Amino acid sequence: MLYMICATDTPNSLEKRLEARPAHLARLNALKDEGRLIIAGPFPAIDSPDPGPSGFTGSLVVAEFNSLEDAKTWADADPYIDAGVYESVVVKPYKKVLP
């Protein structure tokens, strides 16, 4: 089943985000290589695809997991959590309708 992982960043966490990004992306690429990743990316803090020093306000991941518990366990192990980037994370079942 698909699950939505929506994280909110702590204020002024851009530097921490950039430092932890390679490890964060490695985990996402592993999901992609397994054919389980639907979409992933950050929320720019301003109306721009490259927010520069304004940074980001959080991230969204939609991926396939065996259960809600598995999705939560995966989300809890995100390097952004250990780095202090994420203030909060919500994990919910997701049903893709379109496209």
PDB file of N, CA and C in Angstrom:
ATOM      1  N   MET A   1       0.842  -1.177   0.000  1.00  0.00           N
ATOM      2  CA  MET A   1       0.000   0.000   0.000  1.00  0.00           C
ATOM      3  C   MET A   1       0.888   1.242   0.000  1.00  0.00           C
ATOM      4  N   LEU A   2       0.334   2.340  -0.509  1.00  0.00           N
ATOM      5  CA  LEU A   2       1.067   3.601  -0.507  1.00  0.00           C
ATOM      6  C   LEU A   2       0.855   4.353   0.796  1.00  0.00           C
ATOM      7  N   TYR A   3       1.896   5.112   1.171  1.00  0.00           N
ATOM      8  CA  TYR A   3       1.846   5.947   2.373  1.00  0.00           C
ATOM      9  C   TYR A   3       2.444   7.303   2.065  1.00  0.00           C
ATOM     10  N   MET A   4       1.842   8.339   2.657  1.00  0.00           N
ATOM     11  CA  MET A   4       2.309   9.695   2.538  1.00  0.00           C
ATOM     12  C   MET A   4       3.094  10.039   3.800  1.00  0.00           C
ATOM     13  N   ILE A   5       4.301  10.545   3.592  1.00  0.00           N
ATOM     14  CA  ILE A   5       5.135  11.012   4.703  1.00  0.00           C
ATOM     15  C   ILE A   5       5.332  12.502   4.485  1.00  0.00           C
ATOM     16  N   CYS A   6       4.782  13.302   5.371  1.00  0.00           N
ATOM     17  CA  CYS A   6       4.852  14.756   5.255  1.00  0.00           C
ATOM     18  C   CYS A   6       5.568  15.296   6.487  1.00  0.00           C
ATOM     19  N   ALA A   7       6.700  15.953   6.252  1.00  0.00           N
ATOM     20  CA  ALA A   7       7.521  16.461   7.343  1.00  0.00           C
ATOM     21  C   ALA A   7       7.550  17.983   7.319  1.00  0.00           C
ATOM     22  N   THR A   8       7.612  18.570   8.497  1.00  0.00           N
ATOM     23  CA  THR A   8       7.758  20.012   8.658  1.00  0.00           C
ATOM     24  C   THR A   8       9.134  20.288   9.242  1.00  0.00           C
ATOM     25  N   ASP A   9       9.845  21.226   8.610  1.00  0.00           N
ATOM     26  CA  ASP A   9      11.192  21.569   9.063  1.00  0.00           C
ATOM     27  C   ASP A   9      11.166  22.468  10.294  1.00  0.00           C
ATOM     28  N   THR A  10      12.236  22.379  11.073  1.00  0.00           N
ATOM     29  CA  THR A  10      12.461  23.343  12.139  1.00  0.00           C
ATOM     30  C   THR A  10      12.872  24.664  11.485  1.00  0.00           C
ATOM     31  N   PRO A  11      12.633  25.794  12.137  1.00  0.00           N
ATOM     32  CA  PRO A  11      13.054  27.071  11.558  1.00  0.00           C
ATOM     33  C   PRO A  11      14.573  27.118  11.354  1.00  0.00           C
ATOM     34  N   ASN A  12      14.982  27.786  10.296  1.00  0.00           N
ATOM     35  CA  ASN A  12      16.399  28.030  10.015  1.00  0.00           C
ATOM     36  C   ASN A  12      17.234  26.741   9.960  1.00  0.00           C
ATOM     37  N   SER A  13      16.707  25.723   9.307  1.00  0.00           N
ATOM     38  CA  SER A  13      17.396  24.424   9.264  1.00  0.00           C
ATOM     39  C   SER A  13      18.079  24.147   7.934  1.00  0.00           C
ATOM     40  N   LEU A  14      18.207  25.147   7.066  1.00  0.00           N
ATOM     41  CA  LEU A  14      18.763  24.904   5.738  1.00  0.00           C
ATOM     42  C   LEU A  14      20.167  24.305   5.802  1.00  0.00           C
ATOM     43  N   GLU A  15      21.030  24.830   6.642  1.00  0.00           N
ATOM     44  CA  GLU A  15      22.400  24.309   6.723  1.00  0.00           C
ATOM     45  C   GLU A  15      22.402  22.845   7.166  1.00  0.00           C
ATOM     46  N   LYS A  16      21.579  22.515   8.149  1.00  0.00           N
ATOM     47  CA  LYS A  16      21.475  21.125   8.606  1.00  0.00           C
ATOM     48  C   LYS A  16      20.936  20.238   7.491  1.00  0.00           C
ATOM     49  N   ARG A  17      19.964  20.767   6.757  1.00  0.00           N
ATOM     50  CA  ARG A  17      19.361  20.021   5.643  1.00  0.00           C
ATOM     51  C   ARG A  17      20.421  19.703   4.592  1.00  0.00           C
ATOM     52  N   LEU A  18      21.214  20.696   4.228  1.00  0.00           N
ATOM     53  CA  LEU A  18      22.231  20.485   3.196  1.00  0.00           C
ATOM     54  C   LEU A  18      23.291  19.480   3.638  1.00  0.00           C
ATOM     55  N   GLU A  19      23.648  19.490   4.911  1.00  0.00           N
ATOM     56  CA  GLU A  19      24.642  18.544   5.421  1.00  0.00           C
ATOM     57  C   GLU A  19      24.127  17.110   5.403  1.00  0.00           C
ATOM     58  N   ALA A  20      22.861  16.927   5.732  1.00  0.00           N
ATOM     59  CA  ALA A  20      22.288  15.574   5.811  1.00  0.00           C
ATOM     60  C   ALA A  20      21.703  15.087   4.486  1.00  0.00           C
ATOM     61  N   ARG A  21      21.674  15.954   3.489  1.00  0.00           N
ATOM     62  CA  ARG A  21      21.014  15.634   2.220  1.00  0.00           C
ATOM     63  C   ARG A  21      21.555  14.383   1.531  1.00  0.00           C
ATOM     64  N   PRO A  22      22.867  14.177   1.424  1.00  0.00           N
ATOM     65  CA  PRO A  22      23.331  12.955   0.740  1.00  0.00           C
ATOM     66  C   PRO A  22      22.780  11.668   1.364  1.00  0.00           C
ATOM     67  N   ALA A  23      22.759  11.577   2.679  1.00  0.00           N
ATOM     68  CA  ALA A  23      22.234  10.375   3.338  1.00  0.00           C
ATOM     69  C   ALA A  23      20.724  10.265   3.137  1.00  0.00           C
ATOM     70  N   HIS A  24      20.038  11.396   3.179  1.00  0.00           N
ATOM     71  CA  HIS A  24      18.589  11.425   2.954  1.00  0.00           C
ATOM     72  C   HIS A  24      18.276  10.927   1.543  1.00  0.00           C
ATOM     73  N   LEU A  25      19.003  11.446   0.551  1.00  0.00           N
ATOM     74  CA  LEU A  25      18.770  11.046  -0.840  1.00  0.00           C
ATOM     75  C   LEU A  25      19.125   9.589  -1.092  1.00  0.00           C
ATOM     76  N   ALA A  26      20.127   9.074  -0.406  1.00  0.00           N
ATOM     77  CA  ALA A  26      20.499   7.663  -0.569  1.00  0.00           C
ATOM     78  C   ALA A  26      19.333   6.754  -0.198  1.00  0.00           C
ATOM     79  N   ARG A  27      18.631   7.087   0.863  1.00  0.00           N
ATOM     80  CA  ARG A  27      17.485   6.266   1.277  1.00  0.00           C
ATOM     81  C   ARG A  27      16.347   6.354   0.261  1.00  0.00           C
ATOM     82  N   LEU A  28      16.131   7.567  -0.270  1.00  0.00           N
ATOM     83  CA  LEU A  28      15.086   7.736  -1.282  1.00  0.00           C
ATOM     84  C   LEU A  28      15.451   6.993  -2.564  1.00  0.00           C
ATOM     85  N   ASN A  29      16.714   7.051  -2.942  1.00  0.00           N
ATOM     86  CA  ASN A  29      17.148   6.325  -4.135  1.00  0.00           C
ATOM     87  C   ASN A  29      17.014   4.819  -3.959  1.00  0.00           C
ATOM     88  N   ALA A  30      17.200   4.324  -2.750  1.00  0.00           N
ATOM     89  CA  ALA A  30      16.999   2.893  -2.493  1.00  0.00           C
ATOM     90  C   ALA A  30      15.530   2.523  -2.726  1.00  0.00           C
ATOM     91  N   LEU A  31      14.602   3.355  -2.243  1.00  0.00           N
ATOM     92  CA  LEU A  31      13.176   3.112  -2.504  1.00  0.00           C
ATOM     93  C   LEU A  31      12.894   3.152  -4.003  1.00  0.00           C
ATOM     94  N   LYS A  32      13.487   4.122  -4.691  1.00  0.00           N
ATOM     95  CA  LYS A  32      13.304   4.247  -6.137  1.00  0.00           C
ATOM     96  C   LYS A  32      13.817   3.004  -6.856  1.00  0.00           C
ATOM     97  N   ASP A  33      15.001   2.545  -6.484  1.00  0.00           N
ATOM     98  CA  ASP A  33      15.594   1.364  -7.119  1.00  0.00           C
ATOM     99  C   ASP A  33      14.754   0.115  -6.889  1.00  0.00           C
ATOM    100  N   GLU A  34      14.026   0.080  -5.783  1.00  0.00           N
ATOM    101  CA  GLU A  34      13.138  -1.048  -5.476  1.00  0.00           C
ATOM    102  C   GLU A  34      11.775  -0.889  -6.148  1.00  0.00           C
ATOM    103  N   GLY A  35      11.549   0.223  -6.854  1.00  0.00           N
ATOM    104  CA  GLY A  35      10.276   0.463  -7.512  1.00  0.00           C
ATOM    105  C   GLY A  35       9.167   0.870  -6.565  1.00  0.00           C
ATOM    106  N   ARG A  36       9.524   1.384  -5.384  1.00  0.00           N
ATOM    107  CA  ARG A  36       8.528   1.701  -4.358  1.00  0.00           C
ATOM    108  C   ARG A  36       8.270   3.194  -4.197  1.00  0.00           C
ATOM    109  N   LEU A  37       9.088   4.042  -4.799  1.00  0.00           N
ATOM    110  CA  LEU A  37       8.952   5.486  -4.638  1.00  0.00           C
ATOM    111  C   LEU A  37       8.040   6.053  -5.718  1.00  0.00           C
ATOM    112  N   ILE A  38       7.010   6.785  -5.306  1.00  0.00           N
ATOM    113  CA  ILE A  38       6.089   7.423  -6.237  1.00  0.00           C
ATOM    114  C   ILE A  38       6.530   8.863  -6.502  1.00  0.00           C
ATOM    115  N   ILE A  39       6.814   9.598  -5.423  1.00  0.00           N
ATOM    116  CA  ILE A  39       7.226  10.997  -5.542  1.00  0.00           C
ATOM    117  C   ILE A  39       7.922  11.409  -4.250  1.00  0.00           C
ATOM    118  N   ALA A  40       8.855  12.347  -4.370  1.00  0.00           N
ATOM    119  CA  ALA A  40       9.528  12.871  -3.184  1.00  0.00           C
ATOM    120  C   ALA A  40      10.104  14.239  -3.503  1.00  0.00           C
ATOM    121  N   GLY A  41      10.059  15.121  -2.530  1.00  0.00           N
ATOM    122  CA  GLY A  41      10.670  16.431  -2.717  1.00  0.00           C
ATOM    123  C   GLY A  41      10.346  17.370  -1.577  1.00  0.00           C
ATOM    124  N   PRO A  42      11.068  18.507  -1.544  1.00  0.00           N
ATOM    125  CA  PRO A  42      10.887  19.481  -0.478  1.00  0.00           C
ATOM    126  C   PRO A  42       9.854  20.552  -0.839  1.00  0.00           C
ATOM    127  N   PHE A  43       9.430  21.294   0.187  1.00  0.00           N
ATOM    128  CA  PHE A  43       8.543  22.447   0.027  1.00  0.00           C
ATOM    129  C   PHE A  43       9.387  23.715   0.113  1.00  0.00           C
ATOM    130  N   PRO A  44       9.603  24.431  -0.997  1.00  0.00           N
ATOM    131  CA  PRO A  44      10.360  25.677  -0.926  1.00  0.00           C
ATOM    132  C   PRO A  44       9.656  26.684  -0.010  1.00  0.00           C
ATOM    133  N   ALA A  45      10.438  27.446   0.733  1.00  0.00           N
ATOM    134  CA  ALA A  45       9.887  28.431   1.667  1.00  0.00           C
ATOM    135  C   ALA A  45       9.315  29.646   0.942  1.00  0.00           C
ATOM    136  N   ILE A  46       9.715  29.842  -0.317  1.00  0.00           N
ATOM    137  CA  ILE A  46       9.177  30.929  -1.122  1.00  0.00           C
ATOM    138  C   ILE A  46       8.699  30.359  -2.449  1.00  0.00           C
ATOM    139  N   ASP A  47       7.988  31.161  -3.209  1.00  0.00           N
ATOM    140  CA  ASP A  47       7.407  30.713  -4.469  1.00  0.00           C
ATOM    141  C   ASP A  47       8.471  30.673  -5.554  1.00  0.00           C
ATOM    142  N   SER A  48       9.372  29.671  -5.443  1.00  0.00           N
ATOM    143  CA  SER A  48      10.472  29.529  -6.378  1.00  0.00           C
ATOM    144  C   SER A  48      10.988  28.101  -6.316  1.00  0.00           C
ATOM    145  N   PRO A  49      11.346  27.515  -7.476  1.00  0.00           N
ATOM    146  CA  PRO A  49      11.912  26.162  -7.439  1.00  0.00           C
ATOM    147  C   PRO A  49      13.295  26.133  -6.779  1.00  0.00           C
ATOM    148  N   ASP A  50      13.973  27.285  -6.735  1.00  0.00           N
ATOM    149  CA  ASP A  50      15.264  27.393  -6.046  1.00  0.00           C
ATOM    150  C   ASP A  50      15.167  28.525  -5.031  1.00  0.00           C
ATOM    151  N   PRO A  51      14.794  28.211  -3.791  1.00  0.00           N
ATOM    152  CA  PRO A  51      14.555  29.257  -2.800  1.00  0.00           C
ATOM    153  C   PRO A  51      15.815  29.882  -2.211  1.00  0.00           C
ATOM    154  N   GLY A  52      16.985  29.371  -2.621  1.00  0.00           N
ATOM    155  CA  GLY A  52      18.234  29.940  -2.109  1.00  0.00           C
ATOM    156  C   GLY A  52      18.282  29.932  -0.593  1.00  0.00           C
ATOM    157  N   PRO A  53      18.726  31.031   0.009  1.00  0.00           N
ATOM    158  CA  PRO A  53      18.880  31.064   1.465  1.00  0.00           C
ATOM    159  C   PRO A  53      17.558  31.017   2.239  1.00  0.00           C
ATOM    160  N   SER A  54      16.431  31.188   1.536  1.00  0.00           N
ATOM    161  CA  SER A  54      15.129  31.069   2.217  1.00  0.00           C
ATOM    162  C   SER A  54      14.875  29.637   2.661  1.00  0.00           C
ATOM    163  N   GLY A  55      15.467  28.687   1.942  1.00  0.00           N
ATOM    164  CA  GLY A  55      15.374  27.281   2.331  1.00  0.00           C
ATOM    165  C   GLY A  55      14.028  26.645   2.060  1.00  0.00           C
ATOM    166  N   PHE A  56      13.701  25.698   2.907  1.00  0.00           N
ATOM    167  CA  PHE A  56      12.524  24.867   2.726  1.00  0.00           C
ATOM    168  C   PHE A  56      11.723  24.797   4.027  1.00  0.00           C
ATOM    169  N   THR A  57      10.460  24.428   3.895  1.00  0.00           N
ATOM    170  CA  THR A  57       9.609  24.323   5.079  1.00  0.00           C
ATOM    171  C   THR A  57       9.260  22.883   5.428  1.00  0.00           C
ATOM    172  N   GLY A  58       9.682  21.936   4.607  1.00  0.00           N
ATOM    173  CA  GLY A  58       9.381  20.538   4.877  1.00  0.00           C
ATOM    174  C   GLY A  58       9.573  19.695   3.635  1.00  0.00           C
ATOM    175  N   SER A  59       9.054  18.479   3.688  1.00  0.00           N
ATOM    176  CA  SER A  59       9.226  17.521   2.591  1.00  0.00           C
ATOM    177  C   SER A  59       8.009  16.611   2.487  1.00  0.00           C
ATOM    178  N   LEU A  60       7.841  16.056   1.287  1.00  0.00           N
ATOM    179  CA  LEU A  60       6.782  15.080   1.025  1.00  0.00           C
ATOM    180  C   LEU A  60       7.385  13.856   0.358  1.00  0.00           C
ATOM    181  N   VAL A  61       7.005  12.689   0.840  1.00  0.00           N
ATOM    182  CA  VAL A  61       7.372  11.419   0.221  1.00  0.00           C
ATOM    183  C   VAL A  61       6.098  10.598   0.107  1.00  0.00           C
ATOM    184  N   VAL A  62       5.874  10.023  -1.057  1.00  0.00           N
ATOM    185  CA  VAL A  62       4.815   9.032  -1.228  1.00  0.00           C
ATOM    186  C   VAL A  62       5.508   7.778  -1.746  1.00  0.00           C
ATOM    187  N   ALA A  63       5.368   6.692  -0.984  1.00  0.00           N
ATOM    188  CA  ALA A  63       6.058   5.454  -1.330  1.00  0.00           C
ATOM    189  C   ALA A  63       5.259   4.254  -0.852  1.00  0.00           C
ATOM    190  N   GLU A  64       5.638   3.094  -1.370  1.00  0.00           N
ATOM    191  CA  GLU A  64       4.975   1.845  -1.011  1.00  0.00           C
ATOM    192  C   GLU A  64       5.700   1.178   0.161  1.00  0.00           C
ATOM    193  N   PHE A  65       4.912   0.774   1.146  1.00  0.00           N
ATOM    194  CA  PHE A  65       5.418   0.022   2.299  1.00  0.00           C
ATOM    195  C   PHE A  65       4.435  -1.114   2.582  1.00  0.00           C
ATOM    196  N   ASN A  66       4.879  -2.100   3.345  1.00  0.00           N
ATOM    197  CA  ASN A  66       4.012  -3.239   3.677  1.00  0.00           C
ATOM    198  C   ASN A  66       2.919  -2.881   4.670  1.00  0.00           C
ATOM    199  N   SER A  67       3.159  -1.848   5.485  1.00  0.00           N
ATOM    200  CA  SER A  67       2.187  -1.477   6.506  1.00  0.00           C
ATOM    201  C   SER A  67       2.453  -0.049   6.965  1.00  0.00           C
ATOM    202  N   LEU A  68       1.493   0.507   7.678  1.00  0.00           N
ATOM    203  CA  LEU A  68       1.662   1.836   8.273  1.00  0.00           C
ATOM    204  C   LEU A  68       2.833   1.823   9.245  1.00  0.00           C
ATOM    205  N   GLU A  69       2.953   0.760  10.002  1.00  0.00           N
ATOM    206  CA  GLU A  69       4.067   0.637  10.952  1.00  0.00           C
ATOM    207  C   GLU A  69       5.416   0.662  10.226  1.00  0.00           C
ATOM    208  N   ASP A  70       5.509  -0.052   9.106  1.00  0.00           N
ATOM    209  CA  ASP A  70       6.759  -0.048   8.328  1.00  0.00           C
ATOM    210  C   ASP A  70       7.067   1.349   7.791  1.00  0.00           C
ATOM    211  N   ALA A  71       6.035   2.049   7.322  1.00  0.00           N
ATOM    212  CA  ALA A  71       6.233   3.405   6.810  1.00  0.00           C
ATOM    213  C   ALA A  71       6.712   4.339   7.921  1.00  0.00           C
ATOM    214  N   LYS A  72       6.116   4.212   9.103  1.00  0.00           N
ATOM    215  CA  LYS A  72       6.531   5.045  10.240  1.00  0.00           C
ATOM    216  C   LYS A  72       7.960   4.719  10.668  1.00  0.00           C
ATOM    217  N   THR A  73       8.301   3.451  10.681  1.00  0.00           N
ATOM    218  CA  THR A  73       9.657   3.048  11.054  1.00  0.00           C
ATOM    219  C   THR A  73      10.670   3.616  10.066  1.00  0.00           C
ATOM    220  N   TRP A  74      10.347   3.550   8.774  1.00  0.00           N
ATOM    221  CA  TRP A  74      11.237   4.107   7.752  1.00  0.00           C
ATOM    222  C   TRP A  74      11.371   5.616   7.940  1.00  0.00           C
ATOM    223  N   ALA A  75      10.252   6.295   8.149  1.00  0.00           N
ATOM    224  CA  ALA A  75      10.273   7.751   8.320  1.00  0.00           C
ATOM    225  C   ALA A  75      11.060   8.152   9.564  1.00  0.00           C
ATOM    226  N   ASP A  76      10.915   7.395  10.634  1.00  0.00           N
ATOM    227  CA  ASP A  76      11.618   7.708  11.895  1.00  0.00           C
ATOM    228  C   ASP A  76      13.133   7.588  11.763  1.00  0.00           C
ATOM    229  N   ALA A  77      13.600   6.836  10.773  1.00  0.00           N
ATOM    230  CA  ALA A  77      15.042   6.631  10.586  1.00  0.00           C
ATOM    231  C   ALA A  77      15.649   7.630   9.597  1.00  0.00           C
ATOM    232  N   ASP A  78      14.882   8.626   9.172  1.00  0.00           N
ATOM    233  CA  ASP A  78      15.388   9.590   8.192  1.00  0.00           C
ATOM    234  C   ASP A  78      16.547  10.388   8.781  1.00  0.00           C
ATOM    235  N   PRO A  79      17.639  10.548   8.046  1.00  0.00           N
ATOM    236  CA  PRO A  79      18.776  11.344   8.520  1.00  0.00           C
ATOM    237  C   PRO A  79      18.404  12.787   8.866  1.00  0.00           C
ATOM    238  N   TYR A  80      17.363  13.315   8.251  1.00  0.00           N
ATOM    239  CA  TYR A  80      16.932  14.671   8.586  1.00  0.00           C
ATOM    240  C   TYR A  80      16.434  14.768  10.028  1.00  0.00           C
ATOM    241  N   ILE A  81      15.912  13.686  10.560  1.00  0.00           N
ATOM    242  CA  ILE A  81      15.479  13.699  11.965  1.00  0.00           C
ATOM    243  C   ILE A  81      16.694  13.778  12.872  1.00  0.00           C
ATOM    244  N   ASP A  82      17.673  12.917  12.641  1.00  0.00           N
ATOM    245  CA  ASP A  82      18.892  12.934  13.459  1.00  0.00           C
ATOM    246  C   ASP A  82      19.629  14.260  13.360  1.00  0.00           C
ATOM    247  N   ALA A  83      19.562  14.911  12.197  1.00  0.00           N
ATOM    248  CA  ALA A  83      20.266  16.177  11.980  1.00  0.00           C
ATOM    249  C   ALA A  83      19.509  17.377  12.558  1.00  0.00           C
ATOM    250  N   GLY A  84      18.280  17.167  13.008  1.00  0.00           N
ATOM    251  CA  GLY A  84      17.493  18.268  13.558  1.00  0.00           C
ATOM    252  C   GLY A  84      16.799  19.110  12.500  1.00  0.00           C
ATOM    253  N   VAL A  85      16.632  18.570  11.298  1.00  0.00           N
ATOM    254  CA  VAL A  85      15.945  19.291  10.229  1.00  0.00           C
ATOM    255  C   VAL A  85      14.435  19.249  10.442  1.00  0.00           C
ATOM    256  N   TYR A  86      13.903  18.062  10.728  1.00  0.00           N
ATOM    257  CA  TYR A  86      12.463  17.903  10.854  1.00  0.00           C
ATOM    258  C   TYR A  86      11.983  18.195  12.276  1.00  0.00           C
ATOM    259  N   GLU A  87      10.971  19.031  12.345  1.00  0.00           N
ATOM    260  CA  GLU A  87      10.308  19.345  13.610  1.00  0.00           C
ATOM    261  C   GLU A  87       9.214  18.321  13.911  1.00  0.00           C
ATOM    262  N   SER A  88       8.510  17.905  12.839  1.00  0.00           N
ATOM    263  CA  SER A  88       7.441  16.918  12.996  1.00  0.00           C
ATOM    264  C   SER A  88       7.277  16.141  11.694  1.00  0.00           C
ATOM    265  N   VAL A  89       6.740  14.924  11.833  1.00  0.00           N
ATOM    266  CA  VAL A  89       6.514  14.051  10.671  1.00  0.00           C
ATOM    267  C   VAL A  89       5.154  13.386  10.835  1.00  0.00           C
ATOM    268  N   VAL A  90       4.358  13.425   9.765  1.00  0.00           N
ATOM    269  CA  VAL A  90       3.056  12.766   9.740  1.00  0.00           C
ATOM    270  C   VAL A  90       3.108  11.672   8.679  1.00  0.00           C
ATOM    271  N   VAL A  91       2.659  10.481   9.038  1.00  0.00           N
ATOM    272  CA  VAL A  91       2.607   9.356   8.100  1.00  0.00           C
ATOM    273  C   VAL A  91       1.168   8.875   8.039  1.00  0.00           C
ATOM    274  N   LYS A  92       0.634   8.802   6.810  1.00  0.00           N
ATOM    275  CA  LYS A  92      -0.754   8.367   6.620  1.00  0.00           C
ATOM    276  C   LYS A  92      -0.849   7.457   5.403  1.00  0.00           C
ATOM    277  N   PRO A  93      -1.815   6.528   5.410  1.00  0.00           N
ATOM    278  CA  PRO A  93      -2.086   5.758   4.200  1.00  0.00           C
ATOM    279  C   PRO A  93      -2.505   6.713   3.084  1.00  0.00           C
ATOM    280  N   TYR A  94      -2.165   6.351   1.857  1.00  0.00           N
ATOM    281  CA  TYR A  94      -2.449   7.205   0.716  1.00  0.00           C
ATOM    282  C   TYR A  94      -3.021   6.360  -0.410  1.00  0.00           C
ATOM    283  N   LYS A  95      -4.088   6.847  -1.025  1.00  0.00           N
ATOM    284  CA  LYS A  95      -4.677   6.145  -2.160  1.00  0.00           C
ATOM    285  C   LYS A  95      -4.522   7.007  -3.405  1.00  0.00           C
ATOM    286  N   LYS A  96      -3.704   6.536  -4.335  1.00  0.00           N
ATOM    287  CA  LYS A  96      -3.498   7.251  -5.591  1.00  0.00           C
ATOM    288  C   LYS A  96      -4.718   7.063  -6.478  1.00  0.00           C
ATOM    289  N   VAL A  97      -5.268   8.177  -6.959  1.00  0.00           N
ATOM    290  CA  VAL A  97      -6.405   8.128  -7.857  1.00  0.00           C
ATOM    291  C   VAL A  97      -6.012   8.567  -9.269  1.00  0.00           C
ATOM    292  N   LEU A  98      -5.280   9.650  -9.380  1.00  0.00           N
ATOM    293  CA  LEU A  98      -4.836  10.171 -10.675  1.00  0.00           C
ATOM    294  C   LEU A  98      -3.356  10.528 -10.617  1.00  0.00           C
ATOM    295  N   PRO A  99      -2.620  10.580 -11.667  1.00  0.00           N
ATOM    296  CA  PRO A  99      -2.988  10.114 -12.999  1.00  0.00           C
ATOM    297  C   PRO A  99      -2.922   8.613 -13.100  1.00  0.00           C
TER     298      PRO A  99
END
